[in-house]
Every structure is written in structure tokens, then in C-alpha cells.
Amino acid sequence: MKVAALNLNDKDKWAQLYHGYAEFYEMKMNQDILDTVWSWIHSHEVKFYSIGVKSSENELIGFMHYREMPSPLRGQLVGFLDDLFVHPDFRGTGAVQLLFGELKIQAKKNDWPYVRWITATDNSRARKVYNQISKPIDFVTYQMQIN
């Protein structure tokens, strides 16, 4: 397997994987969302990035979306991992560890002191992996609905 930034040729396979990710979280997905996120990935103005992991057959099997964000109490920019998905057929193969390894390299290049992320409390499979990579912090996430 290998990890690299997503390129324009990855769009169709990425879209299939992103549908799977949205389905897992029971979120509706449509072409407008796909087009918007894909444009962020390739924008020079938006500090939103994506890396993918490809199988030995060069098939995109997973991705990670992450971005830069300010941490006001630290007076520093940090990383935030938004989305991580590996096709179910390739889970447990080390794909996630490869993605996190590349994320760590990118965080160092950007001088981010850390990368933060959230996951669903009932996502036990992911949490098992995350607990091997990092430690949970003692914060509760809230989301205020506007519309």
C-alpha cells in the first residue's frame, strides 16, 4: 500500500468512498456536497487537504480529510482531522496507520503542535485504533443547530 495526496484522477473512486463514509454516519450525500468538498481539496485558498491510501493494485481504498485551524489559547495553528474512511474490505490491513503516519508528517511540515479529531462515541472499531495512536482528551463536543 502507498499513501499520497489525492489527484484529479482519484475523483470517482474518492466519491464512492465518500458515499460510504456518509452512509456510515447516516448523512445524506449529493453531488453538490461532493463537488464542494472536491473543490476544497484542490483549492489554493482553502487550507483543507486530503490524502489517500492505495492498494498494491493502485486502487484508492481509503482517504483522510484534514485542515488547519487556529488554537486561540495557544496562539498557534493546529491540525484538525475531519474525515477518515477505509473501504470495509481493507480494514485491519494497516491502511489507517499509513494515513496517520502521513498526517503526522504533514503536521510537522505545517508546524502544528498537534492534530485533533472527534468520532462517534459508539464507533468502537475506530476508537480502538485511535487509542493506539493517541489519547482521548477530556472535552465534550456540542453542536448548535442553526437552521
C-alpha atoms as a PDB file:
ATOM      1  CA  MET A   1       0.000   0.000   0.000  1.00  0.00           C
ATOM      2  CA  LYS A   2       1.035   3.591  -0.509  1.00  0.00           C
ATOM      3  CA  VAL A   3      -0.163   6.971   0.715  1.00  0.00           C
ATOM      4  CA  ALA A   4      -0.283  10.171  -1.325  1.00  0.00           C
ATOM      5  CA  ALA A   5      -2.273  13.359  -1.829  1.00  0.00           C
ATOM      6  CA  LEU A   6      -5.409  12.800  -3.881  1.00  0.00           C
ATOM      7  CA  ASN A   7      -5.065  13.753  -7.526  1.00  0.00           C
ATOM      8  CA  LEU A   8      -7.706  14.646 -10.096  1.00  0.00           C
ATOM      9  CA  ASN A   9      -7.801  11.049 -11.388  1.00  0.00           C
ATOM     10  CA  ASP A  10      -8.934   9.841  -7.943  1.00  0.00           C
ATOM     11  CA  LYS A  11     -12.253  11.736  -8.009  1.00  0.00           C
ATOM     12  CA  ASP A  12     -14.627   8.897  -8.972  1.00  0.00           C
ATOM     13  CA  LYS A  13     -13.187   6.366  -6.523  1.00  0.00           C
ATOM     14  CA  TRP A  14     -12.968   9.026  -3.805  1.00  0.00           C
ATOM     15  CA  ALA A  15     -16.656   9.883  -4.402  1.00  0.00           C
ATOM     16  CA  GLN A  16     -17.603   6.209  -3.966  1.00  0.00           C
ATOM     17  CA  LEU A  17     -15.650   6.041  -0.716  1.00  0.00           C
ATOM     18  CA  TYR A  18     -17.113   9.332   0.499  1.00  0.00           C
ATOM     19  CA  HIS A  19     -20.598   7.958  -0.100  1.00  0.00           C
ATOM     20  CA  GLY A  20     -19.644   5.007   2.099  1.00  0.00           C
ATOM     21  CA  TYR A  21     -18.378   7.371   4.782  1.00  0.00           C
ATOM     22  CA  ALA A  22     -21.595   9.417   4.703  1.00  0.00           C
ATOM     23  CA  GLU A  23     -23.676   6.246   4.830  1.00  0.00           C
ATOM     24  CA  PHE A  24     -21.775   5.061   7.914  1.00  0.00           C
ATOM     25  CA  TYR A  25     -22.666   8.304   9.704  1.00  0.00           C
ATOM     26  CA  GLU A  26     -26.210   8.265   8.287  1.00  0.00           C
ATOM     27  CA  MET A  27     -25.675  11.562   6.492  1.00  0.00           C
ATOM     28  CA  LYS A  28     -27.219  12.399   3.142  1.00  0.00           C
ATOM     29  CA  MET A  29     -24.760  12.804   0.302  1.00  0.00           C
ATOM     30  CA  ASN A  30     -25.349  14.506  -3.023  1.00  0.00           C
ATOM     31  CA  GLN A  31     -23.372  15.796  -5.997  1.00  0.00           C
ATOM     32  CA  ASP A  32     -23.286  19.376  -4.687  1.00  0.00           C
ATOM     33  CA  ILE A  33     -21.571  18.238  -1.482  1.00  0.00           C
ATOM     34  CA  LEU A  34     -19.154  16.035  -3.414  1.00  0.00           C
ATOM     35  CA  ASP A  35     -18.279  18.881  -5.785  1.00  0.00           C
ATOM     36  CA  THR A  36     -17.778  21.331  -2.922  1.00  0.00           C
ATOM     37  CA  VAL A  37     -15.515  19.055  -0.901  1.00  0.00           C
ATOM     38  CA  TRP A  38     -13.544  18.058  -4.004  1.00  0.00           C
ATOM     39  CA  SER A  39     -13.031  21.769  -4.810  1.00  0.00           C
ATOM     40  CA  TRP A  40     -11.752  22.399  -1.259  1.00  0.00           C
ATOM     41  CA  ILE A  41      -9.238  19.583  -1.632  1.00  0.00           C
ATOM     42  CA  HIS A  42      -7.757  21.185  -4.727  1.00  0.00           C
ATOM     43  CA  SER A  43      -8.103  24.851  -3.716  1.00  0.00           C
ATOM     44  CA  HIS A  44      -5.075  27.016  -3.034  1.00  0.00           C
ATOM     45  CA  GLU A  45      -7.198  29.397  -0.938  1.00  0.00           C
ATOM     46  CA  VAL A  46      -8.746  26.856   1.457  1.00  0.00           C
ATOM     47  CA  LYS A  47      -6.392  25.095   3.864  1.00  0.00           C
ATOM     48  CA  PHE A  48      -8.231  21.795   3.518  1.00  0.00           C
ATOM     49  CA  TYR A  49      -6.299  18.718   2.465  1.00  0.00           C
ATOM     50  CA  SER A  50      -6.784  15.092   1.623  1.00  0.00           C
ATOM     51  CA  ILE A  51      -4.554  12.083   1.461  1.00  0.00           C
ATOM     52  CA  GLY A  52      -5.451   8.694   0.136  1.00  0.00           C
ATOM     53  CA  VAL A  53      -4.193   5.186   0.616  1.00  0.00           C
ATOM     54  CA  LYS A  54      -3.954   2.929  -2.415  1.00  0.00           C
ATOM     55  CA  SER A  55      -3.752  -0.843  -2.616  1.00  0.00           C
ATOM     56  CA  SER A  56      -0.901  -2.693  -4.274  1.00  0.00           C
ATOM     57  CA  GLU A  57      -3.111  -2.635  -7.420  1.00  0.00           C
ATOM     58  CA  ASN A  58      -3.120   1.200  -7.211  1.00  0.00           C
ATOM     59  CA  GLU A  59      -6.821   1.296  -6.242  1.00  0.00           C
ATOM     60  CA  LEU A  60      -7.884   4.057  -3.849  1.00  0.00           C
ATOM     61  CA  ILE A  61      -9.104   2.194  -0.749  1.00  0.00           C
ATOM     62  CA  GLY A  62      -9.269   4.973   1.831  1.00  0.00           C
ATOM     63  CA  PHE A  63      -8.868   8.668   2.486  1.00  0.00           C
ATOM     64  CA  MET A  64      -8.347  11.241   5.179  1.00  0.00           C
ATOM     65  CA  HIS A  65      -9.515  14.884   5.098  1.00  0.00           C
ATOM     66  CA  TYR A  66      -7.812  17.353   7.395  1.00  0.00           C
ATOM     67  CA  ARG A  67      -7.386  21.103   7.754  1.00  0.00           C
ATOM     68  CA  GLU A  68      -5.610  23.858   9.544  1.00  0.00           C
ATOM     69  CA  MET A  69      -7.375  25.712  12.347  1.00  0.00           C
ATOM     70  CA  PRO A  70      -6.418  28.328  14.924  1.00  0.00           C
ATOM     71  CA  SER A  71      -5.984  27.390  18.574  1.00  0.00           C
ATOM     72  CA  PRO A  72      -6.515  30.772  20.285  1.00  0.00           C
ATOM     73  CA  LEU A  73      -5.399  29.686  23.765  1.00  0.00           C
ATOM     74  CA  ARG A  74      -2.108  28.517  22.301  1.00  0.00           C
ATOM     75  CA  GLY A  75      -1.775  31.338  19.802  1.00  0.00           C
ATOM     76  CA  GLN A  76      -0.907  28.706  17.208  1.00  0.00           C
ATOM     77  CA  LEU A  77      -2.327  26.981  14.186  1.00  0.00           C
ATOM     78  CA  VAL A  78      -3.067  23.288  14.698  1.00  0.00           C
ATOM     79  CA  GLY A  79      -4.416  20.454  12.605  1.00  0.00           C
ATOM     80  CA  PHE A  80      -7.925  19.056  12.639  1.00  0.00           C
ATOM     81  CA  LEU A  81      -8.815  15.683  11.144  1.00  0.00           C
ATOM     82  CA  ASP A  82     -12.328  15.865   9.728  1.00  0.00           C
ATOM     83  CA  ASP A  83     -12.918  12.590   7.894  1.00  0.00           C
ATOM     84  CA  LEU A  84     -11.269   9.188   7.776  1.00  0.00           C
ATOM     85  CA  PHE A  85     -12.610   6.228   5.861  1.00  0.00           C
ATOM     86  CA  VAL A  86     -11.180   2.933   4.668  1.00  0.00           C
ATOM     87  CA  HIS A  87     -13.227   0.593   2.500  1.00  0.00           C
ATOM     88  CA  PRO A  88     -14.519  -2.261   4.713  1.00  0.00           C
ATOM     89  CA  ASP A  89     -12.642  -4.867   2.641  1.00  0.00           C
ATOM     90  CA  PHE A  90      -9.336  -3.227   3.600  1.00  0.00           C
ATOM     91  CA  ARG A  91      -9.873  -2.553   7.291  1.00  0.00           C
ATOM     92  CA  GLY A  92      -7.306  -4.166   9.525  1.00  0.00           C
ATOM     93  CA  THR A  93      -4.645  -4.066   6.795  1.00  0.00           C
ATOM     94  CA  GLY A  94      -2.625  -1.175   8.226  1.00  0.00           C
ATOM     95  CA  ALA A  95      -4.184   1.399   5.882  1.00  0.00           C
ATOM     96  CA  VAL A  96      -5.266   3.628   8.780  1.00  0.00           C
ATOM     97  CA  GLN A  97      -1.806   3.532  10.319  1.00  0.00           C
ATOM     98  CA  LEU A  98      -0.304   4.586   6.968  1.00  0.00           C
ATOM     99  CA  LEU A  99      -2.733   7.508   6.752  1.00  0.00           C
ATOM    100  CA  PHE A 100      -1.918   8.625  10.294  1.00  0.00           C
ATOM    101  CA  GLY A 101       1.783   8.311   9.573  1.00  0.00           C
ATOM    102  CA  GLU A 102       1.434  10.667   6.613  1.00  0.00           C
ATOM    103  CA  LEU A 103      -0.789  13.010   8.636  1.00  0.00           C
ATOM    104  CA  LYS A 104       1.955  13.261  11.240  1.00  0.00           C
ATOM    105  CA  ILE A 105       4.492  14.145   8.520  1.00  0.00           C
ATOM    106  CA  GLN A 106       2.175  16.843   7.143  1.00  0.00           C
ATOM    107  CA  ALA A 107       1.535  18.230  10.644  1.00  0.00           C
ATOM    108  CA  LYS A 108       5.276  18.564  11.222  1.00  0.00           C
ATOM    109  CA  LYS A 109       5.699  20.314   7.850  1.00  0.00           C
ATOM    110  CA  ASN A 110       2.994  22.804   8.884  1.00  0.00           C
ATOM    111  CA  ASP A 111       4.456  23.272  12.397  1.00  0.00           C
ATOM    112  CA  TRP A 112       1.224  22.100  14.007  1.00  0.00           C
ATOM    113  CA  PRO A 113       1.912  21.029  17.603  1.00  0.00           C
ATOM    114  CA  TYR A 114      -0.961  18.554  17.425  1.00  0.00           C
ATOM    115  CA  VAL A 115      -3.859  17.273  15.352  1.00  0.00           C
ATOM    116  CA  ARG A 116      -7.271  16.921  16.969  1.00  0.00           C
ATOM    117  CA  TRP A 117     -10.284  14.915  15.826  1.00  0.00           C
ATOM    118  CA  ILE A 118     -13.643  13.655  17.018  1.00  0.00           C
ATOM    119  CA  THR A 119     -15.501  10.424  16.437  1.00  0.00           C
ATOM    120  CA  ALA A 120     -18.836   8.989  17.418  1.00  0.00           C
ATOM    121  CA  THR A 121     -18.873   7.519  20.914  1.00  0.00           C
ATOM    122  CA  ASP A 122     -20.271   4.246  19.550  1.00  0.00           C
ATOM    123  CA  ASN A 123     -17.617   3.899  16.825  1.00  0.00           C
ATOM    124  CA  SER A 124     -15.792   1.272  18.850  1.00  0.00           C
ATOM    125  CA  ARG A 125     -13.702  -0.120  15.991  1.00  0.00           C
ATOM    126  CA  ALA A 126     -12.264   3.310  15.171  1.00  0.00           C
ATOM    127  CA  ARG A 127     -11.797   4.181  18.833  1.00  0.00           C
ATOM    128  CA  LYS A 128      -9.767   1.027  19.362  1.00  0.00           C
ATOM    129  CA  VAL A 129      -7.364   2.142  16.628  1.00  0.00           C
ATOM    130  CA  TYR A 130      -7.349   5.764  17.811  1.00  0.00           C
ATOM    131  CA  ASN A 131      -6.471   4.671  21.347  1.00  0.00           C
ATOM    132  CA  GLN A 132      -3.341   3.020  19.929  1.00  0.00           C
ATOM    133  CA  ILE A 133      -2.372   6.181  18.028  1.00  0.00           C
ATOM    134  CA  SER A 134      -3.249   8.843  20.579  1.00  0.00           C
ATOM    135  CA  LYS A 135      -5.066   9.543  23.818  1.00  0.00           C
ATOM    136  CA  PRO A 136      -8.583  10.941  24.187  1.00  0.00           C
ATOM    137  CA  ILE A 137      -8.870  14.362  25.785  1.00  0.00           C
ATOM    138  CA  ASP A 138     -11.434  15.364  28.369  1.00  0.00           C
ATOM    139  CA  PHE A 139     -13.799  17.542  26.330  1.00  0.00           C
ATOM    140  CA  VAL A 140     -17.419  17.119  25.296  1.00  0.00           C
ATOM    141  CA  THR A 141     -18.461  18.212  21.812  1.00  0.00           C
ATOM    142  CA  TYR A 142     -21.640  20.234  21.305  1.00  0.00           C
ATOM    143  CA  GLN A 143     -23.321  21.199  18.079  1.00  0.00           C
ATOM    144  CA  MET A 144     -25.820  24.048  17.955  1.00  0.00           C
ATOM    145  CA  GLN A 145     -28.279  23.666  15.085  1.00  0.00           C
ATOM    146  CA  ILE A 146     -28.829  26.946  13.226  1.00  0.00           C
ATOM    147  CA  ASN A 147     -31.399  26.024  10.573  1.00  0.00           C
END
